[in-house]
């Protein structure tokens, strides 16, 4: 996989995870500034996704982003907010990780 793609993916994930964390914090205390921060961070993340779609294609960019967000936001929910996924949910997260590895490191050349 192209290192530039992975770098942009990491940046987009930071933006989306910060936005989701701000959204969750807004739910807890209803501070409108947290909501505005969340919206701004989602905008930045989506703009970064445009670059990813150009680099790797729509399917790969959206799929990789979705799985990375799935795994990483669960880590944040677990560590910061004390949420606990059930065993079937943990199995789904694990399958998502396997799917992401298979998408990012294909055995055949890109068509």
C-alpha atoms as a PDB file:
ATOM      1  CA  UNK A   1       0.000   0.000   0.000  1.00  0.00           C
ATOM      2  CA  UNK A   2       1.166   3.504  -0.814  1.00  0.00           C
ATOM      3  CA  UNK A   3       2.733   5.214   2.248  1.00  0.00           C
ATOM      4  CA  UNK A   4       1.060   8.502   1.269  1.00  0.00           C
ATOM      5  CA  UNK A   5      -2.345   6.811   1.388  1.00  0.00           C
ATOM      6  CA  UNK A   6      -1.616   5.409   4.844  1.00  0.00           C
ATOM      7  CA  UNK A   7      -0.431   8.810   6.086  1.00  0.00           C
ATOM      8  CA  UNK A   8      -3.586  10.553   4.850  1.00  0.00           C
ATOM      9  CA  UNK A   9      -5.690   7.730   6.309  1.00  0.00           C
ATOM     10  CA  UNK A  10      -4.015   8.214   9.689  1.00  0.00           C
ATOM     11  CA  UNK A  11      -4.656  11.964   9.550  1.00  0.00           C
ATOM     12  CA  UNK A  12      -8.300  11.476   8.634  1.00  0.00           C
ATOM     13  CA  UNK A  13      -8.700   8.967  11.463  1.00  0.00           C
ATOM     14  CA  UNK A  14      -7.272  11.470  13.958  1.00  0.00           C
ATOM     15  CA  UNK A  15      -9.776  14.074  12.752  1.00  0.00           C
ATOM     16  CA  UNK A  16     -12.740  11.664  12.861  1.00  0.00           C
ATOM     17  CA  UNK A  17     -11.799  10.225  16.247  1.00  0.00           C
ATOM     18  CA  UNK A  18     -11.372  13.680  17.749  1.00  0.00           C
ATOM     19  CA  UNK A  19     -14.750  14.653  16.279  1.00  0.00           C
ATOM     20  CA  UNK A  20     -16.462  11.574  17.704  1.00  0.00           C
ATOM     21  CA  UNK A  21     -14.855  12.167  21.101  1.00  0.00           C
ATOM     22  CA  UNK A  22     -16.031  15.784  21.082  1.00  0.00           C
ATOM     23  CA  UNK A  23     -19.533  14.615  20.120  1.00  0.00           C
ATOM     24  CA  UNK A  24     -19.601  12.163  23.016  1.00  0.00           C
ATOM     25  CA  UNK A  25     -18.326  14.855  25.398  1.00  0.00           C
ATOM     26  CA  UNK A  26     -21.079  17.186  24.139  1.00  0.00           C
ATOM     27  CA  UNK A  27     -23.681  14.575  25.076  1.00  0.00           C
ATOM     28  CA  UNK A  28     -22.315  14.583  28.608  1.00  0.00           C
ATOM     29  CA  UNK A  29     -22.377  18.324  29.271  1.00  0.00           C
ATOM     30  CA  UNK A  30     -24.277  20.071  26.412  1.00  0.00           C
ATOM     31  CA  UNK A  31     -21.561  22.687  25.809  1.00  0.00           C
ATOM     32  CA  UNK A  32     -22.307  24.094  22.347  1.00  0.00           C
ATOM     33  CA  UNK A  33     -18.597  24.754  21.742  1.00  0.00           C
ATOM     34  CA  UNK A  34     -17.952  21.007  21.825  1.00  0.00           C
ATOM     35  CA  UNK A  35     -20.630  20.506  19.204  1.00  0.00           C
ATOM     36  CA  UNK A  36     -19.091  23.183  16.978  1.00  0.00           C
ATOM     37  CA  UNK A  37     -15.642  21.644  17.442  1.00  0.00           C
ATOM     38  CA  UNK A  38     -17.045  18.255  16.496  1.00  0.00           C
ATOM     39  CA  UNK A  39     -18.656  19.617  13.330  1.00  0.00           C
ATOM     40  CA  UNK A  40     -15.435  21.396  12.303  1.00  0.00           C
ATOM     41  CA  UNK A  41     -13.393  18.238  12.840  1.00  0.00           C
ATOM     42  CA  UNK A  42     -15.849  16.157  10.800  1.00  0.00           C
ATOM     43  CA  UNK A  43     -15.486  18.694   7.958  1.00  0.00           C
ATOM     44  CA  UNK A  44     -11.683  18.418   8.091  1.00  0.00           C
ATOM     45  CA  UNK A  45     -11.890  14.617   8.106  1.00  0.00           C
ATOM     46  CA  UNK A  46     -14.212  14.581   5.104  1.00  0.00           C
ATOM     47  CA  UNK A  47     -11.936  16.918   3.160  1.00  0.00           C
ATOM     48  CA  UNK A  48      -9.049  14.561   3.876  1.00  0.00           C
ATOM     49  CA  UNK A  49     -11.191  11.686   2.618  1.00  0.00           C
ATOM     50  CA  UNK A  50     -11.399  13.369  -0.794  1.00  0.00           C
ATOM     51  CA  UNK A  51      -7.615  13.041  -1.084  1.00  0.00           C
ATOM     52  CA  UNK A  52      -7.849   9.396   0.002  1.00  0.00           C
ATOM     53  CA  UNK A  53     -10.492   8.674  -2.627  1.00  0.00           C
ATOM     54  CA  UNK A  54      -8.199  10.106  -5.293  1.00  0.00           C
ATOM     55  CA  UNK A  55      -5.234   8.045  -4.047  1.00  0.00           C
ATOM     56  CA  UNK A  56      -6.831   4.655  -3.485  1.00  0.00           C
ATOM     57  CA  UNK A  57     -10.295   4.777  -4.991  1.00  0.00           C
ATOM     58  CA  UNK A  58     -13.688   5.221  -3.408  1.00  0.00           C
ATOM     59  CA  UNK A  59     -14.181   1.641  -2.223  1.00  0.00           C
ATOM     60  CA  UNK A  60     -10.819   1.238  -0.550  1.00  0.00           C
ATOM     61  CA  UNK A  61     -10.799   4.702   1.035  1.00  0.00           C
ATOM     62  CA  UNK A  62     -14.272   4.451   2.546  1.00  0.00           C
ATOM     63  CA  UNK A  63     -13.858   0.826   3.633  1.00  0.00           C
ATOM     64  CA  UNK A  64     -10.473   1.400   5.270  1.00  0.00           C
ATOM     65  CA  UNK A  65     -11.762   4.535   6.988  1.00  0.00           C
ATOM     66  CA  UNK A  66     -14.883   2.800   8.280  1.00  0.00           C
ATOM     67  CA  UNK A  67     -13.010  -0.163   9.731  1.00  0.00           C
ATOM     68  CA  UNK A  68     -10.271   1.983  11.266  1.00  0.00           C
ATOM     69  CA  UNK A  69     -12.906   4.202  12.875  1.00  0.00           C
ATOM     70  CA  UNK A  70     -14.797   1.139  14.120  1.00  0.00           C
ATOM     71  CA  UNK A  71     -11.773  -0.233  15.917  1.00  0.00           C
ATOM     72  CA  UNK A  72     -10.274   3.016  17.187  1.00  0.00           C
ATOM     73  CA  UNK A  73     -13.495   4.601  18.423  1.00  0.00           C
ATOM     74  CA  UNK A  74     -14.160   1.447  20.432  1.00  0.00           C
ATOM     75  CA  UNK A  75     -10.763   1.882  22.073  1.00  0.00           C
ATOM     76  CA  UNK A  76     -11.709   5.469  22.974  1.00  0.00           C
ATOM     77  CA  UNK A  77     -15.173   4.427  24.201  1.00  0.00           C
ATOM     78  CA  UNK A  78     -13.591   1.728  26.351  1.00  0.00           C
ATOM     79  CA  UNK A  79     -10.769   3.823  27.835  1.00  0.00           C
ATOM     80  CA  UNK A  80     -12.332   7.282  28.181  1.00  0.00           C
ATOM     81  CA  UNK A  81     -16.047   6.658  28.619  1.00  0.00           C
ATOM     82  CA  UNK A  82     -16.104   3.231  30.296  1.00  0.00           C
ATOM     83  CA  UNK A  83     -18.261   1.547  27.655  1.00  0.00           C
ATOM     84  CA  UNK A  84     -17.941  -2.249  27.340  1.00  0.00           C
ATOM     85  CA  UNK A  85     -18.728  -4.114  24.086  1.00  0.00           C
ATOM     86  CA  UNK A  86     -20.250  -7.585  24.347  1.00  0.00           C
ATOM     87  CA  UNK A  87     -18.493 -10.713  23.071  1.00  0.00           C
ATOM     88  CA  UNK A  88     -20.385 -10.751  19.736  1.00  0.00           C
ATOM     89  CA  UNK A  89     -19.496  -7.081  19.281  1.00  0.00           C
ATOM     90  CA  UNK A  90     -15.837  -7.838  20.015  1.00  0.00           C
ATOM     91  CA  UNK A  91     -15.977 -10.630  17.427  1.00  0.00           C
ATOM     92  CA  UNK A  92     -17.340  -8.143  14.887  1.00  0.00           C
ATOM     93  CA  UNK A  93     -14.521  -5.729  15.655  1.00  0.00           C
ATOM     94  CA  UNK A  94     -12.020  -8.545  15.161  1.00  0.00           C
ATOM     95  CA  UNK A  95     -13.559  -9.459  11.810  1.00  0.00           C
ATOM     96  CA  UNK A  96     -13.314  -5.810  10.819  1.00  0.00           C
ATOM     97  CA  UNK A  97      -9.592  -5.847  11.555  1.00  0.00           C
ATOM     98  CA  UNK A  98      -9.136  -8.960   9.415  1.00  0.00           C
ATOM     99  CA  UNK A  99     -11.133  -7.330   6.605  1.00  0.00           C
ATOM    100  CA  UNK A 100      -9.008  -4.186   6.754  1.00  0.00           C
ATOM    101  CA  UNK A 101      -5.769  -6.179   6.568  1.00  0.00           C
ATOM    102  CA  UNK A 102      -7.113  -8.050   3.554  1.00  0.00           C
ATOM    103  CA  UNK A 103      -8.109  -4.784   1.842  1.00  0.00           C
ATOM    104  CA  UNK A 104      -4.889  -2.893   2.471  1.00  0.00           C
ATOM    105  CA  UNK A 105      -2.517  -5.725   1.574  1.00  0.00           C
ATOM    106  CA  UNK A 106      -4.010  -7.513  -1.427  1.00  0.00           C
ATOM    107  CA  UNK A 107      -2.140 -10.426  -3.011  1.00  0.00           C
ATOM    108  CA  UNK A 108      -2.939  -9.394  -6.589  1.00  0.00           C
ATOM    109  CA  UNK A 109      -1.988  -6.222  -8.396  1.00  0.00           C
ATOM    110  CA  UNK A 110      -4.448  -3.335  -8.348  1.00  0.00           C
ATOM    111  CA  UNK A 111      -6.573  -3.209 -11.515  1.00  0.00           C
END
